[in-house]
Amino acid sequence: MPKERVYGLEAVRTDGWFERIGEGIGSFQALCEIVGEAFFAFSMITGARITALTVDRRNPDNTIVDFVVGAPSDEEVESAEPQRLTLADFRQRLVGALLTEDTPTPPPDKDSDIEGLQQHIGVRYLLLAPIYGYSLRKLVVKGSTSELVALHDGEEERLELNEFRARIRAHVREELERASMGQRSAIDLTKVGEAELAAERGDPTRVLQLLASWPAPLAIFLRTPEGQLLAPEARSLIAKGLGLLGTACVDLGEPQQGEEVLRLAIQYAQDGPVASDLFRRLGQAMLGAGRHGEAIGPLRRAISLGASPKLVWPLLTKCFVERDRFLAALTCLREARSAGVEEPELVTEARKIEEKLGAALTRWRGVVLKAKA
């Protein structure tokens, strides 16, 4: 019976490589928005180094990408003539390069053979894995079968090596298919109503499916003359959709991404009818992330723009309590009660205020009662 060999993959695991590289690139966020985050990662994996972009605001797929092929350290790259493609063709070129199948090399004799492990699994697959939520843990080889043990979005999966490679290639193909749907179909304002119903049902995943393609093109569109002259009704509908998406991201454990989407929504909303709700959503996201001091500003802005007092005053009360600003918290608590918030929602904060202010609060209440008498 073939002996089972187990290889630890700590030395070849590439979790977070794209984000780490991004920390050293000043234009990283802009490139991700224009080219697409996944496609920018693809360009790094395939060695297609972008040297210039000529952005077409009206039709982003016609944006011109100048690039050279090879690692930055290659001597030939510095003197190479840049290649030029439209963004749509550039994306197809990248995906074509990544989908080229290769035959895995045999597994190495020792798990200390880093290069052997990389070649057996496939360097491109090691780099693509974390982009799609796979964190490789172990390689189990038994006879002619290689099996990967990986965490995928936090859950353990066991995949035969060829199955894993095929799944990654499917993710890459889907990326191109989504991008090829086109700029116009990406922003379908009729999806806002469906997303709103999904949010009411408590289904943030469905909201994400409907609206996940919005932020990147809308961030670009906002900076165009057409974006600046957009009708107020369209602005409000776009802002509403982005607000739903931002909250869905927060609910699904992506608070940073959710806050970025909510800030974009606020830019579209300006001081329109949905702005108050967006500031409330942003403040609530910050509160949920434990950033109580930062949440105060958006929540106060929400109140000033006419947000529902029953929704916002309890949140502000909690923020001020957590920041040890108990007099401000007491004022917010009184406003929440006046707005009709049920007492059970306020009991925790009310108890903390009572404990902190103690005798001073009792004396103040006595003065108030005496004045009313």
Protein backbone atom coordinates (compact mmCIF):
# COMPACT_ATOMS: atom_id res chain seq x y z
CA MET A 1 0.00 0.00 0.00
CA PRO A 2 1.49 3.42 -0.99
CA LYS A 3 2.88 5.42 1.89
CA GLU A 4 1.18 8.76 2.60
CA ARG A 5 3.40 11.82 2.63
CA VAL A 6 2.29 15.12 4.18
CA TYR A 7 3.95 18.43 3.28
CA GLY A 8 3.41 21.62 5.27
CA LEU A 9 2.83 24.61 2.98
CA GLU A 10 3.78 27.49 5.30
CA ALA A 11 6.90 28.22 3.27
CA VAL A 12 5.06 28.49 -0.07
CA ARG A 13 1.76 30.00 1.11
CA THR A 14 1.23 33.47 -0.39
CA ASP A 15 -1.66 34.85 1.69
CA GLY A 16 -1.80 38.66 1.49
CA TRP A 17 0.88 39.03 -1.19
CA PHE A 18 -1.21 41.38 -3.35
CA GLU A 19 -2.08 43.68 -0.45
CA ARG A 20 1.56 43.81 0.70
CA ILE A 21 2.73 44.82 -2.77
CA GLY A 22 -0.01 47.44 -2.87
CA GLU A 23 1.39 49.13 0.23
CA GLY A 24 4.45 50.11 -1.78
CA ILE A 25 2.63 51.40 -4.88
CA GLY A 26 1.34 54.95 -4.65
CA SER A 27 -1.13 54.52 -7.51
CA PHE A 28 -2.31 51.10 -6.33
CA GLN A 29 -5.92 52.09 -5.56
CA ALA A 30 -6.32 54.02 -8.81
CA LEU A 31 -4.95 51.09 -10.84
CA CYS A 32 -7.31 48.70 -9.08
CA GLU A 33 -10.27 50.96 -9.84
CA ILE A 34 -9.39 51.42 -13.52
CA VAL A 35 -7.99 48.01 -14.47
CA GLY A 36 -9.92 45.97 -11.91
CA GLU A 37 -8.41 44.63 -8.71
CA ALA A 38 -8.27 41.01 -9.90
CA PHE A 39 -6.87 41.96 -13.32
CA PHE A 40 -4.18 44.12 -11.74
CA ALA A 41 -3.21 41.06 -9.69
CA PHE A 42 -3.27 38.96 -12.87
CA SER A 43 -0.88 41.41 -14.53
CA MET A 44 1.61 40.98 -11.69
CA ILE A 45 1.34 37.19 -11.84
CA THR A 46 1.91 37.06 -15.59
CA GLY A 47 4.67 39.69 -15.53
CA ALA A 48 2.73 42.27 -17.57
CA ARG A 49 3.98 45.51 -16.03
CA ILE A 50 1.67 48.46 -16.73
CA THR A 51 3.64 51.57 -17.73
CA ALA A 52 0.82 53.95 -18.72
CA LEU A 53 -2.95 54.25 -18.90
CA THR A 54 -4.97 56.51 -21.16
CA VAL A 55 -8.40 56.47 -19.54
CA ASP A 56 -11.55 56.67 -21.65
CA ARG A 57 -14.13 58.06 -19.23
CA ARG A 58 -17.06 57.47 -21.55
CA ASN A 59 -16.21 53.84 -22.29
CA PRO A 60 -13.71 52.43 -19.78
CA ASP A 61 -13.28 49.22 -21.81
CA ASN A 62 -11.58 51.39 -24.47
CA THR A 63 -9.01 52.67 -21.97
CA ILE A 64 -5.53 52.20 -23.51
CA VAL A 65 -3.06 50.12 -21.49
CA ASP A 66 0.67 50.41 -22.22
CA PHE A 67 2.70 47.58 -20.71
CA VAL A 68 5.87 45.55 -20.97
CA VAL A 69 6.20 41.86 -20.23
CA GLY A 70 8.75 40.64 -17.72
CA ALA A 71 9.84 41.19 -14.13
CA PRO A 72 10.96 44.75 -13.25
CA SER A 73 14.49 43.47 -12.61
CA ASP A 74 14.89 41.99 -16.08
CA GLU A 75 17.46 43.97 -18.06
CA GLU A 76 15.55 43.41 -21.30
CA VAL A 77 12.37 44.94 -19.89
CA GLU A 78 13.90 48.40 -19.48
CA SER A 79 14.71 48.60 -23.20
CA ALA A 80 11.63 46.73 -24.45
CA GLU A 81 9.05 48.50 -26.57
CA PRO A 82 5.79 48.84 -24.63
CA GLN A 83 2.86 46.88 -25.96
CA ARG A 84 -0.48 48.64 -26.26
CA LEU A 85 -3.98 47.18 -25.96
CA THR A 86 -7.44 48.37 -25.02
CA LEU A 87 -8.39 47.46 -21.47
CA ALA A 88 -10.84 44.82 -22.74
CA ASP A 89 -8.14 43.17 -24.90
CA PHE A 90 -5.56 43.49 -22.11
CA ARG A 91 -7.86 41.63 -19.73
CA GLN A 92 -8.38 38.89 -22.32
CA ARG A 93 -4.62 38.60 -22.83
CA LEU A 94 -4.03 38.20 -19.09
CA VAL A 95 -6.75 35.57 -18.69
CA GLY A 96 -5.50 33.68 -21.73
CA ALA A 97 -2.02 33.52 -20.23
CA LEU A 98 -3.36 32.27 -16.89
CA LEU A 99 -5.59 29.62 -18.46
CA THR A 100 -2.73 27.99 -20.35
CA GLU A 101 -2.54 24.51 -18.86
CA ASP A 102 0.75 23.00 -17.76
CA THR A 103 1.61 19.57 -16.42
CA PRO A 104 2.49 19.46 -12.73
CA THR A 105 5.96 18.21 -11.88
CA PRO A 106 6.23 15.23 -9.50
CA PRO A 107 6.08 16.04 -5.79
CA PRO A 108 9.47 16.66 -4.17
CA ASP A 109 11.13 14.10 -1.92
CA LYS A 110 11.33 16.55 1.01
CA ASP A 111 9.01 19.31 2.20
CA SER A 112 12.09 21.49 2.59
CA ASP A 113 12.35 21.54 -1.22
CA ILE A 114 10.51 24.86 -1.62
CA GLU A 115 11.01 25.12 -5.37
CA GLY A 116 9.85 21.53 -5.84
CA LEU A 117 6.63 22.26 -3.92
CA GLN A 118 6.04 25.44 -5.92
CA GLN A 119 6.50 23.63 -9.22
CA HIS A 120 4.30 20.71 -8.17
CA ILE A 121 1.35 22.90 -7.13
CA GLY A 122 2.05 25.58 -9.74
CA VAL A 123 3.42 29.05 -8.99
CA ARG A 124 0.50 30.83 -10.65
CA TYR A 125 -1.98 28.80 -8.59
CA LEU A 126 -0.16 29.63 -5.36
CA LEU A 127 -0.53 33.32 -6.21
CA LEU A 128 -4.12 33.07 -7.44
CA ALA A 129 -5.32 31.05 -4.43
CA PRO A 130 -5.51 33.91 -1.87
CA ILE A 131 -7.23 36.20 -4.39
CA TYR A 132 -10.18 33.80 -4.30
CA GLY A 133 -10.11 33.13 -0.56
CA TYR A 134 -8.01 29.94 -0.45
CA SER A 135 -5.34 29.59 2.23
CA LEU A 136 -3.30 26.46 1.47
CA ARG A 137 -2.34 24.43 4.55
CA LYS A 138 -1.09 20.97 3.60
CA LEU A 139 -0.28 18.81 0.61
CA VAL A 140 -1.05 15.11 1.07
CA VAL A 141 0.52 12.73 -1.47
CA LYS A 142 -0.50 9.10 -1.66
CA GLY A 143 0.71 7.12 -4.61
CA SER A 144 0.01 9.14 -7.75
CA THR A 145 -2.64 11.32 -6.06
CA SER A 146 -1.92 14.75 -4.63
CA GLU A 147 -4.52 16.37 -2.41
CA LEU A 148 -4.52 19.92 -1.04
CA VAL A 149 -5.96 20.82 2.34
CA ALA A 150 -7.05 24.47 2.30
CA LEU A 151 -9.14 26.94 4.21
CA HIS A 152 -11.66 28.52 1.85
CA ASP A 153 -13.38 31.54 3.36
CA GLY A 154 -12.63 30.10 6.79
CA GLU A 155 -13.83 26.52 6.16
CA GLU A 156 -11.53 23.56 5.53
CA GLU A 157 -11.71 21.86 2.14
CA ARG A 158 -9.78 18.93 0.66
CA LEU A 159 -9.24 19.12 -3.10
CA GLU A 160 -7.36 16.86 -5.45
CA LEU A 161 -4.61 18.96 -7.06
CA ASN A 162 -6.05 18.88 -10.58
CA GLU A 163 -9.50 19.71 -9.20
CA PHE A 164 -8.02 22.67 -7.32
CA ARG A 165 -6.28 23.92 -10.46
CA ALA A 166 -9.50 23.57 -12.47
CA ARG A 167 -11.46 25.47 -9.84
CA ILE A 168 -8.97 28.35 -9.85
CA ARG A 169 -9.09 28.52 -13.65
CA ALA A 170 -12.90 28.66 -13.43
CA HIS A 171 -12.64 31.63 -11.05
CA VAL A 172 -10.35 33.39 -13.54
CA ARG A 173 -12.75 32.75 -16.44
CA GLU A 174 -15.67 34.05 -14.38
CA GLU A 175 -13.68 37.23 -13.68
CA LEU A 176 -13.39 37.91 -17.40
CA GLU A 177 -17.06 37.08 -17.99
CA ARG A 178 -18.12 39.58 -15.32
CA ALA A 179 -15.89 42.26 -16.80
CA SER A 180 -17.12 41.49 -20.32
CA MET A 181 -20.71 42.22 -19.33
CA GLY A 182 -19.82 45.82 -20.05
CA GLN A 183 -20.01 49.10 -18.27
CA ARG A 184 -23.63 49.80 -19.13
CA SER A 185 -25.02 46.50 -17.95
CA ALA A 186 -22.96 46.77 -14.76
CA ILE A 187 -25.03 49.73 -13.55
CA ASP A 188 -28.63 48.59 -13.79
CA LEU A 189 -30.64 50.92 -11.58
CA THR A 190 -33.60 48.55 -11.60
CA LYS A 191 -31.56 46.27 -9.30
CA VAL A 192 -31.87 48.72 -6.43
CA GLY A 193 -35.45 47.67 -5.67
CA GLU A 194 -34.51 43.99 -5.64
CA ALA A 195 -31.50 44.73 -3.43
CA GLU A 196 -33.73 46.65 -1.02
CA LEU A 197 -36.08 43.67 -0.71
CA ALA A 198 -33.10 41.38 -0.11
CA ALA A 199 -31.82 43.70 2.62
CA GLU A 200 -35.23 43.70 4.30
CA ARG A 201 -35.15 39.88 4.26
CA GLY A 202 -31.74 39.96 5.95
CA ASP A 203 -29.94 38.54 2.88
CA PRO A 204 -26.73 40.58 2.44
CA THR A 205 -25.26 37.92 0.13
CA ARG A 206 -28.00 38.59 -2.42
CA VAL A 207 -27.38 42.34 -2.17
CA LEU A 208 -23.72 41.66 -2.91
CA GLN A 209 -24.59 39.52 -5.92
CA LEU A 210 -26.81 42.26 -7.34
CA LEU A 211 -24.61 45.31 -6.76
CA ALA A 212 -20.98 44.17 -6.27
CA SER A 213 -19.97 45.42 -9.74
CA TRP A 214 -21.04 49.02 -9.01
CA PRO A 215 -18.27 50.73 -6.98
CA ALA A 216 -15.34 50.68 -9.41
CA PRO A 217 -17.14 52.10 -12.49
CA LEU A 218 -19.17 54.52 -10.38
CA ALA A 219 -16.02 55.88 -8.70
CA ILE A 220 -14.63 56.64 -12.17
CA PHE A 221 -17.94 57.99 -13.51
CA LEU A 222 -18.27 60.43 -10.61
CA ARG A 223 -15.12 62.24 -11.78
CA THR A 224 -16.43 62.76 -15.32
CA PRO A 225 -18.42 65.81 -16.49
CA GLU A 226 -21.40 63.50 -17.08
CA GLY A 227 -21.14 62.23 -13.54
CA GLN A 228 -21.08 65.74 -12.12
CA LEU A 229 -24.18 66.72 -14.14
CA LEU A 230 -26.18 63.61 -13.23
CA ALA A 231 -29.85 64.29 -12.45
CA PRO A 232 -30.73 64.38 -8.72
CA GLU A 233 -33.13 61.43 -9.05
CA ALA A 234 -30.45 59.21 -10.61
CA ARG A 235 -27.90 60.36 -8.02
CA SER A 236 -30.26 59.41 -5.19
CA LEU A 237 -31.00 55.99 -6.65
CA ILE A 238 -27.31 55.24 -7.18
CA ALA A 239 -26.53 56.45 -3.65
CA LYS A 240 -29.30 54.27 -2.22
CA GLY A 241 -27.95 51.19 -4.01
CA LEU A 242 -24.41 51.88 -2.83
CA GLY A 243 -25.72 52.37 0.71
CA LEU A 244 -27.36 48.94 0.62
CA LEU A 245 -24.15 47.42 -0.77
CA GLY A 246 -21.95 49.10 1.83
CA THR A 247 -24.07 47.79 4.70
CA ALA A 248 -24.11 44.32 3.12
CA CYS A 249 -20.30 44.33 2.99
CA VAL A 250 -20.18 45.27 6.69
CA ASP A 251 -22.67 42.52 7.56
CA LEU A 252 -20.56 39.98 5.65
CA GLY A 253 -17.41 40.82 7.60
CA GLU A 254 -15.80 43.37 5.23
CA PRO A 255 -16.12 46.62 7.26
CA GLN A 256 -13.30 48.48 5.49
CA GLN A 257 -14.72 47.78 2.06
CA GLY A 258 -18.20 48.61 3.31
CA GLU A 259 -17.08 52.00 4.62
CA GLU A 260 -15.39 52.83 1.30
CA VAL A 261 -18.62 52.04 -0.56
CA LEU A 262 -20.66 54.13 1.90
CA ARG A 263 -18.33 57.10 1.43
CA LEU A 264 -18.78 56.82 -2.34
CA ALA A 265 -22.54 56.68 -1.78
CA ILE A 266 -22.35 59.90 0.26
CA GLN A 267 -20.49 61.62 -2.60
CA TYR A 268 -23.33 60.70 -4.94
CA ALA A 269 -26.03 61.65 -2.45
CA GLN A 270 -24.58 65.09 -1.62
CA ASP A 271 -27.26 66.63 0.66
CA GLY A 272 -30.11 64.85 -1.09
CA PRO A 273 -32.95 62.86 0.47
CA VAL A 274 -30.92 59.66 1.08
CA ALA A 275 -27.88 61.40 2.61
CA SER A 276 -29.15 61.18 6.18
CA ASP A 277 -29.60 57.41 5.93
CA LEU A 278 -26.13 57.00 4.44
CA PHE A 279 -24.47 58.94 7.25
CA ARG A 280 -26.40 56.79 9.71
CA ARG A 281 -25.19 53.61 7.97
CA LEU A 282 -21.59 54.87 7.98
CA GLY A 283 -21.74 55.79 11.67
CA GLN A 284 -23.28 52.43 12.52
CA ALA A 285 -20.53 50.62 10.60
CA MET A 286 -17.85 52.52 12.54
CA LEU A 287 -19.65 51.80 15.79
CA GLY A 288 -19.77 48.11 14.94
CA ALA A 289 -16.02 48.18 14.30
CA GLY A 290 -15.41 49.63 17.77
CA ARG A 291 -14.48 53.12 16.47
CA HIS A 292 -16.91 54.93 18.72
CA GLY A 293 -15.25 58.34 18.51
CA GLU A 294 -15.15 58.33 14.70
CA ALA A 295 -18.81 57.27 14.54
CA ILE A 296 -20.01 60.40 16.36
CA GLY A 297 -19.42 62.75 13.41
CA PRO A 298 -21.43 60.79 10.80
CA LEU A 299 -24.23 60.12 13.29
CA ARG A 300 -24.53 63.81 14.23
CA ARG A 301 -24.54 64.65 10.53
CA ALA A 302 -27.32 62.11 10.03
CA ILE A 303 -29.41 63.83 12.71
CA SER A 304 -28.83 67.27 11.19
CA LEU A 305 -29.98 65.96 7.78
CA GLY A 306 -33.21 64.57 9.22
CA ALA A 307 -32.46 60.91 9.91
CA SER A 308 -34.93 58.96 12.04
CA PRO A 309 -34.32 59.99 15.68
CA LYS A 310 -35.39 56.55 16.88
CA LEU A 311 -32.55 54.99 14.87
CA VAL A 312 -29.76 57.50 15.53
CA TRP A 313 -30.09 58.72 19.13
CA PRO A 314 -29.53 55.25 20.67
CA LEU A 315 -26.39 54.86 18.55
CA LEU A 316 -25.07 58.26 19.64
CA THR A 317 -25.82 57.41 23.26
CA LYS A 318 -23.69 54.27 22.97
CA CYS A 319 -20.86 56.17 21.28
CA PHE A 320 -20.68 58.80 24.02
CA VAL A 321 -20.87 56.19 26.78
CA GLU A 322 -18.00 54.23 25.22
CA ARG A 323 -15.98 57.46 24.99
CA ASP A 324 -16.69 58.26 28.67
CA ARG A 325 -18.57 61.43 27.72
CA PHE A 326 -21.44 60.79 30.08
CA LEU A 327 -23.10 64.22 30.07
CA ALA A 328 -23.36 64.07 26.26
CA ALA A 329 -24.58 60.48 26.58
CA LEU A 330 -27.28 61.60 29.04
CA THR A 331 -28.49 64.26 26.58
CA CYS A 332 -28.68 61.66 23.79
CA LEU A 333 -30.47 59.24 26.09
CA ARG A 334 -33.13 61.87 26.87
CA GLU A 335 -33.52 62.59 23.12
CA ALA A 336 -33.90 58.86 22.42
CA ARG A 337 -36.62 58.55 25.04
CA SER A 338 -38.40 61.62 23.66
CA ALA A 339 -38.26 60.05 20.19
CA GLY A 340 -40.13 57.01 21.49
CA VAL A 341 -37.29 54.49 21.74
CA GLU A 342 -38.35 51.57 23.93
CA GLU A 343 -36.63 51.45 27.34
CA PRO A 344 -35.17 47.92 26.90
CA GLU A 345 -33.03 49.27 24.02
CA LEU A 346 -31.51 51.86 26.35
CA VAL A 347 -31.14 49.95 29.60
CA THR A 348 -27.42 49.10 29.27
CA GLU A 349 -26.34 52.66 28.48
CA ALA A 350 -28.75 54.11 31.08
CA ARG A 351 -27.21 51.91 33.78
CA LYS A 352 -23.67 52.99 32.86
CA ILE A 353 -24.68 56.66 32.97
CA GLU A 354 -26.34 56.20 36.36
CA GLU A 355 -23.25 54.45 37.75
CA LYS A 356 -20.87 57.14 36.49
CA LEU A 357 -22.79 60.29 37.32
CA GLY A 358 -24.18 58.89 40.58
CA ALA A 359 -25.04 61.51 43.19
CA ALA A 360 -24.59 64.41 40.77
CA LEU A 361 -27.32 63.00 38.54
CA THR A 362 -29.61 62.49 41.54
CA ARG A 363 -29.12 66.11 42.66
CA TRP A 364 -29.74 67.40 39.15
CA ARG A 365 -32.98 65.44 38.91
CA GLY A 366 -34.03 66.93 42.25
CA VAL A 367 -33.42 70.43 40.93
CA VAL A 368 -35.47 69.67 37.81
CA LEU A 369 -38.37 68.28 39.85
CA LYS A 370 -38.30 71.26 42.18
CA ALA A 371 -38.35 73.67 39.23
CA LYS A 372 -41.40 71.92 37.80
CA ALA A 373 -43.25 71.95 41.12
